[in-house]
Amino acid sequence: MNPNIHISTQWAYTALSEKRNGAHPRRPKLIEQFSLSPFQTILRSENDFEEVVFDKYPKVKEIKIQLVRLGAAHSLMSGSGSSVFGLFDDRDQALNAIEFFKKDHFVHLTEPYFTLQQNE
C-alpha cells in the first residue's frame, strides 16, 4: 500500500546515519539466517529506515500498525518508503485490509509463493 508520500532516499540515508551517529546495529551472522524457516525469517525481518521515516512521516507508521491490527502476520515499510506491505496468512483478512485502505491509498494484493506455517 502506498500513501502517496514522497520520501527522498538520500534524505533517508542521511537521517539514519545522523540518528545513529555512524553506528550500525548488530546483525545475525549469515549462517544463522540460513538456519531459519521462511516463517521465522519473515517475522524477524526489519527495515532500518523505519527508524527515521516514522518520526518524520507518522502516517506511514500508522499504516504499518493498522495492517497488523487487520491481521497481518508481519508488516514492513518497503525500501526507504513510503510503501508498506503486510503479509497475511488469511486471504479474507487481506481482502478486508484492502477494503479498509483502498479509498485513501493505492493497494495491491499479491498472491503468496508459500504459506506462513509456524511449524516449518
C-alpha atoms as a PDB file:
ATOM      1  CA  MET A   1       0.000   0.000   0.000  1.00  0.00           C
ATOM      2  CA  ASN A   2       1.253   3.398  -0.888  1.00  0.00           C
ATOM      3  CA  PRO A   3       0.099   6.596   0.874  1.00  0.00           C
ATOM      4  CA  ASN A   4       1.471   8.776  -1.954  1.00  0.00           C
ATOM      5  CA  ILE A   5       4.106  10.412   0.251  1.00  0.00           C
ATOM      6  CA  HIS A   6       7.435  11.076  -1.449  1.00  0.00           C
ATOM      7  CA  ILE A   7      10.414  10.182   0.715  1.00  0.00           C
ATOM      8  CA  SER A   8      13.837  11.023  -0.646  1.00  0.00           C
ATOM      9  CA  THR A   9      16.167   8.044  -0.446  1.00  0.00           C
ATOM     10  CA  GLN A  10      19.086  10.439   0.024  1.00  0.00           C
ATOM     11  CA  TRP A  11      17.296  12.067   2.951  1.00  0.00           C
ATOM     12  CA  ALA A  12      16.542   8.648   4.491  1.00  0.00           C
ATOM     13  CA  TYR A  13      20.183   7.522   4.343  1.00  0.00           C
ATOM     14  CA  THR A  14      21.424  10.833   5.733  1.00  0.00           C
ATOM     15  CA  ALA A  15      18.836  10.937   8.515  1.00  0.00           C
ATOM     16  CA  LEU A  16      19.542   7.346   9.546  1.00  0.00           C
ATOM     17  CA  SER A  17      23.298   7.922   9.588  1.00  0.00           C
ATOM     18  CA  GLU A  18      22.898  11.093  11.656  1.00  0.00           C
ATOM     19  CA  LYS A  19      20.486   9.463  14.107  1.00  0.00           C
ATOM     20  CA  ARG A  20      22.829   6.548  14.673  1.00  0.00           C
ATOM     21  CA  ASN A  21      25.917   8.753  14.688  1.00  0.00           C
ATOM     22  CA  GLY A  22      27.571   6.332  12.255  1.00  0.00           C
ATOM     23  CA  ALA A  23      26.861   3.219  14.377  1.00  0.00           C
ATOM     24  CA  HIS A  24      25.292   0.134  12.815  1.00  0.00           C
ATOM     25  CA  PRO A  25      23.109  -2.405  14.644  1.00  0.00           C
ATOM     26  CA  ARG A  26      24.402  -5.931  15.119  1.00  0.00           C
ATOM     27  CA  ARG A  27      23.059  -8.280  12.501  1.00  0.00           C
ATOM     28  CA  PRO A  28      22.818 -12.068  12.734  1.00  0.00           C
ATOM     29  CA  LYS A  29      25.565 -13.999  11.018  1.00  0.00           C
ATOM     30  CA  LEU A  30      24.673 -15.244   7.566  1.00  0.00           C
ATOM     31  CA  ILE A  31      24.717 -18.871   8.725  1.00  0.00           C
ATOM     32  CA  GLU A  32      22.145 -18.004  11.440  1.00  0.00           C
ATOM     33  CA  GLN A  33      19.814 -16.565   8.814  1.00  0.00           C
ATOM     34  CA  PHE A  34      20.054 -19.675   6.638  1.00  0.00           C
ATOM     35  CA  SER A  35      19.018 -21.875   9.558  1.00  0.00           C
ATOM     36  CA  LEU A  36      15.655 -20.112   9.917  1.00  0.00           C
ATOM     37  CA  SER A  37      12.449 -21.295   8.309  1.00  0.00           C
ATOM     38  CA  PRO A  38      10.799 -18.903   5.848  1.00  0.00           C
ATOM     39  CA  PHE A  39       8.201 -18.078   8.523  1.00  0.00           C
ATOM     40  CA  GLN A  40      10.862 -17.227  11.120  1.00  0.00           C
ATOM     41  CA  THR A  41      12.824 -15.188   8.590  1.00  0.00           C
ATOM     42  CA  ILE A  42       9.755 -13.125   7.732  1.00  0.00           C
ATOM     43  CA  LEU A  43       8.873 -12.454  11.349  1.00  0.00           C
ATOM     44  CA  ARG A  44      12.427 -11.289  12.081  1.00  0.00           C
ATOM     45  CA  SER A  45      12.677  -9.016   9.049  1.00  0.00           C
ATOM     46  CA  GLU A  46      13.283  -5.350   9.773  1.00  0.00           C
ATOM     47  CA  ASN A  47      13.689  -2.154   7.822  1.00  0.00           C
ATOM     48  CA  ASP A  48      16.207   0.214   9.372  1.00  0.00           C
ATOM     49  CA  PHE A  49      14.713   3.202   7.550  1.00  0.00           C
ATOM     50  CA  GLU A  50      11.538   2.895   9.625  1.00  0.00           C
ATOM     51  CA  GLU A  51      13.561   4.400  12.485  1.00  0.00           C
ATOM     52  CA  VAL A  52      13.704   7.812  10.824  1.00  0.00           C
ATOM     53  CA  VAL A  53      10.802   7.710   8.376  1.00  0.00           C
ATOM     54  CA  PHE A  54       8.210   7.002  11.077  1.00  0.00           C
ATOM     55  CA  ASP A  55       9.388  10.026  13.088  1.00  0.00           C
ATOM     56  CA  LYS A  56       9.026  12.415  10.154  1.00  0.00           C
ATOM     57  CA  TYR A  57       6.061  10.719   8.434  1.00  0.00           C
ATOM     58  CA  PRO A  58       3.790   9.263  11.151  1.00  0.00           C
ATOM     59  CA  LYS A  59       1.143   8.354   8.551  1.00  0.00           C
ATOM     60  CA  VAL A  60       3.483   5.648   7.229  1.00  0.00           C
ATOM     61  CA  LYS A  61       3.841   4.216  10.747  1.00  0.00           C
ATOM     62  CA  GLU A  62       0.056   4.294  11.193  1.00  0.00           C
ATOM     63  CA  ILE A  63      -0.362   2.175   8.069  1.00  0.00           C
ATOM     64  CA  LYS A  64       2.059  -0.444   9.384  1.00  0.00           C
ATOM     65  CA  ILE A  65       0.285  -0.591  12.747  1.00  0.00           C
ATOM     66  CA  GLN A  66      -3.126  -0.825  11.111  1.00  0.00           C
ATOM     67  CA  LEU A  67      -2.038  -3.677   8.841  1.00  0.00           C
ATOM     68  CA  VAL A  68      -1.089  -5.717  11.907  1.00  0.00           C
ATOM     69  CA  ARG A  69      -4.381  -4.791  13.597  1.00  0.00           C
ATOM     70  CA  LEU A  70      -6.179  -6.053  10.497  1.00  0.00           C
ATOM     71  CA  GLY A  71      -4.458  -9.428  10.778  1.00  0.00           C
ATOM     72  CA  ALA A  72      -1.100  -9.180   9.024  1.00  0.00           C
ATOM     73  CA  ALA A  73       1.391 -11.685  10.429  1.00  0.00           C
ATOM     74  CA  HIS A  74       4.065  -9.074   9.745  1.00  0.00           C
ATOM     75  CA  SER A  75       4.285  -5.643   8.156  1.00  0.00           C
ATOM     76  CA  LEU A  76       7.231  -3.620   6.885  1.00  0.00           C
ATOM     77  CA  MET A  77       7.945  -0.457   5.019  1.00  0.00           C
ATOM     78  CA  SER A  78       9.478  -1.158   1.622  1.00  0.00           C
ATOM     79  CA  GLY A  79      12.881   0.391   0.951  1.00  0.00           C
ATOM     80  CA  SER A  80      13.157   3.996   2.117  1.00  0.00           C
ATOM     81  CA  GLY A  81       9.374   4.343   1.934  1.00  0.00           C
ATOM     82  CA  SER A  82       6.644   5.217   1.691  1.00  0.00           C
ATOM     83  CA  SER A  83       5.097   1.930   0.543  1.00  0.00           C
ATOM     84  CA  VAL A  84       4.188  -0.507   3.317  1.00  0.00           C
ATOM     85  CA  PHE A  85       3.248  -4.148   2.918  1.00  0.00           C
ATOM     86  CA  GLY A  86       1.516  -6.659   5.123  1.00  0.00           C
ATOM     87  CA  LEU A  87       1.920 -10.428   4.974  1.00  0.00           C
ATOM     88  CA  PHE A  88      -1.341 -12.213   5.602  1.00  0.00           C
ATOM     89  CA  ASP A  89      -1.864 -15.918   6.128  1.00  0.00           C
ATOM     90  CA  ASP A  90      -5.609 -15.468   5.729  1.00  0.00           C
ATOM     91  CA  ARG A  91      -6.935 -14.269   2.362  1.00  0.00           C
ATOM     92  CA  ASP A  92     -10.137 -12.837   3.884  1.00  0.00           C
ATOM     93  CA  GLN A  93      -8.120 -10.688   6.279  1.00  0.00           C
ATOM     94  CA  ALA A  94      -6.005  -9.462   3.370  1.00  0.00           C
ATOM     95  CA  LEU A  95      -9.127  -8.549   1.409  1.00  0.00           C
ATOM     96  CA  ASN A  96     -10.518  -6.787   4.475  1.00  0.00           C
ATOM     97  CA  ALA A  97      -7.303  -4.733   4.709  1.00  0.00           C
ATOM     98  CA  ILE A  98      -7.660  -3.772   1.051  1.00  0.00           C
ATOM     99  CA  GLU A  99     -11.200  -2.573   1.696  1.00  0.00           C
ATOM    100  CA  PHE A 100     -10.013  -0.591   4.715  1.00  0.00           C
ATOM    101  CA  PHE A 101      -7.236   1.226   2.822  1.00  0.00           C
ATOM    102  CA  LYS A 102      -8.407   1.432  -0.794  1.00  0.00           C
ATOM    103  CA  LYS A 103     -10.315   4.711  -0.563  1.00  0.00           C
ATOM    104  CA  ASP A 104      -7.206   6.672   0.510  1.00  0.00           C
ATOM    105  CA  HIS A 105      -4.242   4.640  -0.758  1.00  0.00           C
ATOM    106  CA  PHE A 106      -3.026   2.623  -3.709  1.00  0.00           C
ATOM    107  CA  VAL A 107      -3.343  -1.022  -2.663  1.00  0.00           C
ATOM    108  CA  HIS A 108      -2.499  -4.278  -4.383  1.00  0.00           C
ATOM    109  CA  LEU A 109      -2.947  -7.908  -3.394  1.00  0.00           C
ATOM    110  CA  THR A 110      -0.183 -10.257  -4.470  1.00  0.00           C
ATOM    111  CA  GLU A 111      -0.623 -13.988  -4.198  1.00  0.00           C
ATOM    112  CA  PRO A 112       1.998 -15.667  -1.984  1.00  0.00           C
ATOM    113  CA  TYR A 113       4.548 -18.151  -3.208  1.00  0.00           C
ATOM    114  CA  PHE A 114       4.307 -20.091   0.029  1.00  0.00           C
ATOM    115  CA  THR A 115       2.067 -20.026   3.067  1.00  0.00           C
ATOM    116  CA  LEU A 116       3.135 -18.902   6.505  1.00  0.00           C
ATOM    117  CA  GLN A 117       3.367 -22.064   8.539  1.00  0.00           C
ATOM    118  CA  GLN A 118       4.815 -21.799  12.002  1.00  0.00           C
ATOM    119  CA  ASN A 119       5.910 -25.422  12.125  1.00  0.00           C
ATOM    120  CA  GLU A 120       8.435 -25.107   9.274  1.00  0.00           C
END
